[in-house]
Protein backbone atom coordinates (compact mmCIF):
# COMPACT_ATOMS: atom_id res chain seq x y z
CA UNK A 1 157.93 90.61 -79.35
CA UNK A 2 159.32 87.78 -77.11
CA UNK A 3 159.16 88.61 -73.17
CA UNK A 4 162.74 89.78 -72.01
CA UNK A 5 165.17 88.01 -70.08
CA UNK A 6 166.11 89.79 -66.73
CA UNK A 7 169.10 87.88 -65.95
CA UNK A 8 171.11 84.78 -67.13
CA UNK A 9 168.70 82.68 -65.07
CA UNK A 10 165.80 84.56 -64.17
CA UNK A 11 162.95 83.81 -65.76
CA UNK A 12 160.25 86.71 -67.52
CA UNK A 13 158.36 86.78 -64.07
CA UNK A 14 162.00 87.02 -62.02
CA UNK A 15 161.64 83.68 -61.05
CA UNK A 16 165.67 82.56 -60.16
CA UNK A 17 165.90 79.10 -61.91
CA UNK A 18 168.65 77.54 -60.09
CA UNK A 19 167.66 73.78 -60.03
CA UNK A 20 167.60 71.19 -62.95
CA UNK A 21 166.22 67.74 -62.88
CA UNK A 22 167.53 65.72 -65.17
CA UNK A 23 165.96 62.36 -66.65
CA UNK A 24 168.88 60.09 -67.62
CA UNK A 25 166.81 56.98 -68.94
CA UNK A 26 162.97 56.60 -69.90
CA UNK A 27 163.33 52.74 -69.12
CA UNK A 28 161.63 51.46 -65.85
CA UNK A 29 161.31 48.24 -63.96
CA UNK A 30 157.69 49.09 -62.52
CA UNK A 31 154.12 50.02 -64.20
CA UNK A 32 152.97 52.32 -62.47
CA UNK A 33 149.27 52.96 -63.08
CA UNK A 34 149.45 56.65 -62.68
CA UNK A 35 152.73 56.78 -65.09
CA UNK A 36 152.79 54.16 -67.36
CA UNK A 37 150.01 53.65 -69.75
CA UNK A 38 148.32 50.09 -70.20
CA UNK A 39 149.59 49.78 -73.66
CA UNK A 40 153.60 50.54 -72.46
CA UNK A 41 155.40 53.25 -74.35
CA UNK A 42 158.30 52.96 -76.81
CA UNK A 43 161.61 52.93 -75.38
CA UNK A 44 163.77 55.85 -76.49
CA UNK A 45 166.63 54.31 -79.07
CA UNK A 46 169.91 54.27 -77.36
CA UNK A 47 171.33 56.56 -79.97
CA UNK A 48 169.06 59.23 -78.82
CA UNK A 49 169.47 59.42 -75.12
CA UNK A 50 171.84 61.53 -73.67
CA UNK A 51 175.38 60.63 -73.23
CA UNK A 52 176.87 61.30 -69.75
CA UNK A 53 179.37 63.43 -71.30
CA UNK A 54 176.58 65.76 -72.92
CA UNK A 55 174.55 65.44 -69.74
CA UNK A 56 177.79 67.00 -67.57
CA UNK A 57 178.49 69.51 -70.13
CA UNK A 58 174.82 71.03 -70.01
CA UNK A 59 175.24 71.16 -66.18
CA UNK A 60 179.16 72.62 -66.20
CA UNK A 61 177.28 75.34 -68.18
CA UNK A 62 174.07 76.04 -66.41
CA UNK A 63 176.25 75.96 -63.09
CA UNK A 64 178.31 79.35 -64.61
CA UNK A 65 174.72 80.53 -65.20
CA UNK A 66 173.52 80.22 -61.48
CA UNK A 67 172.40 76.28 -61.11
CA UNK A 68 173.04 75.10 -57.41
CA UNK A 69 171.03 72.18 -57.44
CA UNK A 70 170.43 68.66 -59.76
CA UNK A 71 168.29 65.88 -59.18
CA UNK A 72 168.84 62.62 -61.38
CA UNK A 73 165.30 61.19 -62.37
CA UNK A 74 164.31 58.57 -64.86
CA UNK A 75 162.36 56.29 -65.58
CA UNK A 76 164.38 54.56 -63.26
CA UNK A 77 167.78 55.92 -62.95
CA UNK A 78 169.52 53.20 -61.18
CA UNK A 79 168.98 50.94 -64.41
CA UNK A 80 171.27 52.92 -66.33
CA UNK A 81 175.11 51.42 -66.26
CA UNK A 82 177.82 53.51 -64.31
CA UNK A 83 175.51 55.90 -62.79
CA UNK A 84 177.76 56.55 -59.88
CA UNK A 85 180.25 57.79 -62.05
CA UNK A 86 177.90 60.37 -63.20
CA UNK A 87 176.76 61.31 -59.49
CA UNK A 88 180.35 61.73 -58.70
CA UNK A 89 181.07 63.97 -61.40
CA UNK A 90 178.20 66.43 -60.68
CA UNK A 91 178.93 66.46 -56.95
CA UNK A 92 182.19 67.76 -57.72
CA UNK A 93 181.28 70.14 -60.16
CA UNK A 94 181.72 73.61 -59.27
CA UNK A 95 178.65 76.16 -58.06
CA UNK A 96 176.22 73.06 -57.39
CA UNK A 97 175.68 72.52 -53.98
CA UNK A 98 172.81 70.02 -53.66
CA UNK A 99 172.78 66.56 -55.45
CA UNK A 100 169.83 64.22 -55.27
CA UNK A 101 168.24 61.21 -57.13
CA UNK A 102 164.85 59.55 -57.11
CA UNK A 103 164.49 56.26 -57.26
CA UNK A 104 162.11 53.78 -57.06
CA UNK A 105 163.62 51.58 -54.49
CA UNK A 106 163.89 48.48 -56.23
CA UNK A 107 167.61 48.45 -56.79
CA UNK A 108 168.40 50.71 -54.41
CA UNK A 109 169.76 47.91 -51.61
CA UNK A 110 172.84 47.04 -53.62
CA UNK A 111 173.43 50.67 -55.03
CA UNK A 112 172.66 52.67 -51.78
CA UNK A 113 176.49 52.23 -50.49
CA UNK A 114 178.28 52.67 -54.18
CA UNK A 115 175.97 55.81 -54.39
CA UNK A 116 176.87 57.59 -50.75
CA UNK A 117 180.59 56.83 -51.44
CA UNK A 118 180.18 59.01 -54.67
CA UNK A 119 179.30 61.65 -52.95
CA UNK A 120 175.21 61.71 -52.79
CA UNK A 121 173.53 62.15 -49.72
CA UNK A 122 169.99 63.03 -50.37
CA UNK A 123 167.75 60.53 -52.21
CA UNK A 124 163.57 60.17 -52.52
CA UNK A 125 162.34 56.68 -53.07
CA UNK A 126 158.88 56.50 -54.42
CA UNK A 127 156.58 54.21 -52.57
CA UNK A 128 153.17 54.35 -52.71
CA UNK A 129 151.71 51.73 -50.56
CA UNK A 130 152.68 49.92 -47.10
CA UNK A 131 150.81 47.05 -48.16
CA UNK A 132 152.29 44.49 -50.54
CA UNK A 133 148.90 43.36 -52.34
CA UNK A 134 148.13 47.09 -53.33
CA UNK A 135 151.33 47.74 -54.35
CA UNK A 136 151.24 45.30 -57.06
CA UNK A 137 148.35 46.68 -58.11
CA UNK A 138 149.95 49.97 -58.34
CA UNK A 139 152.82 49.07 -60.00
CA UNK A 140 152.55 45.79 -61.83
CA UNK A 141 155.29 44.04 -60.10
CA UNK A 142 156.04 41.91 -56.42
CA UNK A 143 159.21 44.22 -55.93
CA UNK A 144 157.84 45.44 -52.63
CA UNK A 145 160.09 43.56 -50.28
CA UNK A 146 162.98 44.95 -52.35
CA UNK A 147 161.90 48.73 -51.93
CA UNK A 148 161.64 48.53 -48.33
CA UNK A 149 165.05 46.65 -47.90
CA UNK A 150 166.50 49.58 -50.46
CA UNK A 151 165.19 52.15 -47.87
CA UNK A 152 166.92 50.78 -44.41
CA UNK A 153 169.94 50.00 -46.50
CA UNK A 154 169.75 54.00 -47.14
CA UNK A 155 169.25 54.74 -43.78
CA UNK A 156 172.07 52.31 -42.70
CA UNK A 157 174.92 53.74 -45.05
CA UNK A 158 174.04 57.22 -44.06
CA UNK A 159 171.46 59.14 -46.35
CA UNK A 160 169.48 62.04 -44.58
CA UNK A 161 167.13 63.38 -45.38
CA UNK A 162 165.47 59.86 -46.92
CA UNK A 163 162.48 61.36 -48.36
CA UNK A 164 159.62 58.69 -49.48
CA UNK A 165 157.13 59.86 -52.38
CA UNK A 166 153.58 58.84 -51.73
CA UNK A 167 151.39 59.70 -54.95
CA UNK A 168 147.61 59.95 -53.62
CA UNK A 169 145.18 57.96 -55.12
CA UNK A 170 142.09 57.98 -54.17
CA UNK A 171 140.22 54.34 -53.28
CA UNK A 172 143.36 53.24 -53.90
CA UNK A 173 145.96 54.11 -51.29
CA UNK A 174 144.32 56.81 -49.34
CA UNK A 175 143.82 54.67 -46.61
CA UNK A 176 147.24 54.07 -46.40
CA UNK A 177 148.11 57.68 -45.13
CA UNK A 178 147.72 56.58 -41.16
CA UNK A 179 150.27 54.00 -41.73
CA UNK A 180 152.60 56.50 -43.55
CA UNK A 181 151.64 58.94 -40.68
CA UNK A 182 153.09 56.35 -37.84
CA UNK A 183 155.97 55.52 -40.36
CA UNK A 184 157.23 59.32 -40.04
CA UNK A 185 156.71 59.16 -36.18
CA UNK A 186 159.03 55.83 -36.01
CA UNK A 187 161.60 57.02 -38.45
CA UNK A 188 163.51 59.85 -39.49
CA UNK A 189 162.11 59.55 -43.24
CA UNK A 190 160.00 62.25 -44.71
CA UNK A 191 157.42 61.27 -46.04
CA UNK A 192 155.86 63.62 -49.08
CA UNK A 193 151.95 63.09 -50.10
CA UNK A 194 152.05 64.47 -53.73
CA UNK A 195 148.46 65.03 -55.49
CA UNK A 196 148.37 62.74 -58.48
CA UNK A 197 148.99 64.55 -61.73
CA UNK A 198 147.02 63.87 -64.81
CA UNK A 199 149.27 63.99 -67.65
CA UNK A 200 149.75 62.12 -70.79
CA UNK A 201 147.69 58.71 -71.64
CA UNK A 202 147.18 58.42 -67.94
CA UNK A 203 145.15 61.42 -67.50
CA UNK A 204 141.95 59.51 -66.88
CA UNK A 205 138.54 60.92 -67.81
CA UNK A 206 136.90 62.25 -64.54
CA UNK A 207 139.58 62.65 -61.98
CA UNK A 208 138.16 59.98 -60.03
CA UNK A 209 141.61 59.12 -58.73
CA UNK A 210 142.23 62.56 -58.02
CA UNK A 211 142.95 62.80 -53.65
CA UNK A 212 143.73 66.41 -52.74
CA UNK A 213 146.93 67.28 -50.32
CA UNK A 214 143.80 69.14 -48.28
CA UNK A 215 141.91 66.08 -47.96
CA UNK A 216 145.20 64.13 -46.95
CA UNK A 217 145.90 66.78 -44.50
CA UNK A 218 142.84 66.57 -42.80
CA UNK A 219 143.21 62.79 -42.49
CA UNK A 220 146.43 63.20 -40.85
CA UNK A 221 145.11 65.68 -38.69
CA UNK A 222 142.32 63.15 -36.90
CA UNK A 223 145.43 61.23 -35.92
CA UNK A 224 147.38 64.35 -34.07
CA UNK A 225 148.00 68.08 -34.10
CA UNK A 226 150.95 68.69 -37.24
CA UNK A 227 153.28 71.13 -35.99
CA UNK A 228 154.02 73.37 -39.18
CA UNK A 229 158.10 73.24 -40.05
CA UNK A 230 159.76 76.24 -41.50
CA UNK A 231 161.25 75.51 -45.17
CA UNK A 232 164.07 76.69 -46.24
CA UNK A 233 165.63 77.48 -49.94
CA UNK A 234 166.30 73.74 -50.58
CA UNK A 235 163.09 72.16 -49.27
CA UNK A 236 160.94 71.65 -52.65
CA UNK A 237 157.53 72.96 -52.74
CA UNK A 238 156.38 70.59 -49.92
CA UNK A 239 154.29 72.18 -47.07
CA UNK A 240 156.45 70.82 -43.78
CA UNK A 241 154.58 69.51 -40.78
CA UNK A 242 155.88 67.12 -37.62
CA UNK A 243 153.80 65.19 -35.63
CA UNK A 244 154.40 65.77 -31.68
CA UNK A 245 157.18 63.80 -30.50
CA UNK A 246 157.99 62.37 -34.20
CA UNK A 247 161.40 61.15 -35.30
CA UNK A 248 160.70 62.14 -39.01
CA UNK A 249 158.10 64.31 -40.56
CA UNK A 250 155.39 64.85 -43.37
CA UNK A 251 154.80 66.84 -46.65
CA UNK A 252 152.08 68.07 -48.67
CA UNK A 253 152.51 68.84 -52.52
CA UNK A 254 149.48 70.22 -54.07
CA UNK A 255 150.73 70.30 -57.63
CA UNK A 256 147.41 70.38 -58.86
CA UNK A 257 145.01 72.17 -56.28
CA UNK A 258 146.94 74.16 -55.00
CA UNK A 259 150.06 74.83 -57.07
CA UNK A 260 153.37 76.16 -56.10
CA UNK A 261 154.00 77.74 -59.55
CA UNK A 262 155.01 81.53 -58.20
CA UNK A 263 157.82 80.08 -56.46
CA UNK A 264 159.16 77.45 -58.81
CA UNK A 265 162.91 77.59 -59.58
CA UNK A 266 163.17 74.30 -61.88
CA UNK A 267 163.57 73.26 -65.20
CA UNK A 268 163.69 69.48 -66.65
CA UNK A 269 166.20 68.02 -68.90
CA UNK A 270 164.59 64.55 -70.50
CA UNK A 271 166.70 61.80 -71.24
CA UNK A 272 166.29 62.44 -75.01
CA UNK A 273 168.37 66.13 -74.46
CA UNK A 274 165.00 68.36 -74.31
CA UNK A 275 164.83 71.10 -71.75
CA UNK A 276 161.61 71.69 -70.50
CA UNK A 277 160.45 74.51 -68.97
CA UNK A 278 157.37 73.39 -67.23
CA UNK A 279 156.33 69.72 -66.32
CA UNK A 280 152.87 70.65 -67.58
CA UNK A 281 153.62 72.54 -70.48
CA UNK A 282 154.73 71.13 -73.91
CA UNK A 283 157.31 73.53 -74.89
CA UNK A 284 160.59 72.42 -75.20
CA UNK A 285 163.98 73.25 -76.12
CA UNK A 286 166.27 70.45 -78.24
CA UNK A 287 169.82 71.03 -76.82
CA UNK A 288 171.02 67.46 -77.97
CA UNK A 289 171.17 68.40 -81.71
CA UNK A 290 173.15 71.51 -80.71
CA UNK A 291 175.54 69.32 -78.77
CA UNK A 292 175.85 66.93 -81.38
CA UNK A 293 176.85 69.53 -84.06
CA UNK A 294 179.55 70.84 -81.57
CA UNK A 295 178.05 74.07 -80.83
CA UNK A 296 180.02 76.21 -78.62
CA UNK A 297 179.53 77.04 -74.79
CA UNK A 298 177.70 80.21 -75.72
CA UNK A 299 175.32 78.82 -77.80
CA UNK A 300 174.72 76.36 -75.37
CA UNK A 301 174.14 79.04 -72.89
CA UNK A 302 171.86 80.68 -75.03
CA UNK A 303 169.47 77.56 -75.78
CA UNK A 304 169.09 77.51 -72.00
CA UNK A 305 167.93 81.19 -71.67
CA UNK A 306 165.54 80.53 -74.41
CA UNK A 307 163.51 78.18 -72.44
CA UNK A 308 163.99 79.84 -69.31
CA UNK A 309 162.43 81.99 -71.29
CA UNK A 310 159.46 80.05 -72.16
CA UNK A 311 158.96 79.35 -68.51
CA UNK A 312 155.12 80.14 -68.14
CA UNK A 313 153.40 81.85 -65.23
CA UNK A 314 151.44 78.70 -64.08
CA UNK A 315 150.46 75.37 -65.65
CA UNK A 316 146.79 74.89 -66.60
CA UNK A 317 146.69 71.61 -65.43
CA UNK A 318 142.93 70.10 -63.61
CA UNK A 319 140.65 68.14 -64.53
CA UNK A 320 138.14 70.64 -65.47
CA UNK A 321 140.55 71.85 -68.62
CA UNK A 322 141.19 70.66 -71.76
CA UNK A 323 145.01 71.26 -71.48
CA UNK A 324 146.50 68.00 -72.24
CA UNK A 325 150.32 67.37 -71.31
CA UNK A 326 151.23 65.01 -74.33
CA UNK A 327 154.26 63.34 -73.37
CA UNK A 328 153.70 60.51 -70.50
CA UNK A 329 155.65 61.01 -66.95
CA UNK A 330 157.41 58.30 -67.89
CA UNK A 331 159.38 59.88 -71.13
CA UNK A 332 159.60 63.56 -69.07
CA UNK A 333 161.19 62.22 -66.08
CA UNK A 334 159.52 62.63 -62.43
């Protein structure tokens, strides 16, 4: 017998699901070591990728069920043509109060102004190091300068907040934390340190790359007192802090060591049209097939409810378990 649904947008553990992360492409112009397996991935065929009209219909129906927050991801979302038009239409969707995008920043310098003009105000930029040589080692590319230029342009045009996402990698970028801490002192950026999640073929064998959020916190505290910042509903899972007199802030996300499953309010929509109740579970509900079979809005809402009902109490991911998430991160969406 299935677990009961409490309301249209509450799961079986009475968590209100009002946040949808939408991957609009599986393509990416970086090859990050923790995201893209060494052998690469086969790109999804163009016809299998959700069309913008399909994405907008899902957002509209989900908004009628209480969805208020949307974040566009990839792959690299700025690679997809006409993304600004999609942003503009989502921003204007009734019920949606918070729209953001997560980008690797390579194309951001040229896209920042059009995105802002489309109504976007919140942006997350992935940048795992301030060292160009390490950037090449982590991403397999020499785009470090372009990413920094993109962040500067986003600040110039008025994005606020600008969050800089740093995936913690032991013995690779863990010694960059102090430079990022200084960045938070000198700018209004919100630097967020995120534990590496062992997913798909990038899982690794022994967790030797893993650097915990608590270890990061200790290192940050060695440079000055961290002042806690109260969290609001739209902050996400980060524990937020500010150094004394700092212009910006730092955040710590313990996705593995101190997971936030009890407060999780999100679903994910993959580029190929699967609703994932949990990033770290392989449970999926196919909405693309229903959309292309001309399903009704009622049918689509029932599929969304089915996905919400599948949301687990918590993920089982750590380096001591046999749990493996089969899809690679680039195929799911960050």
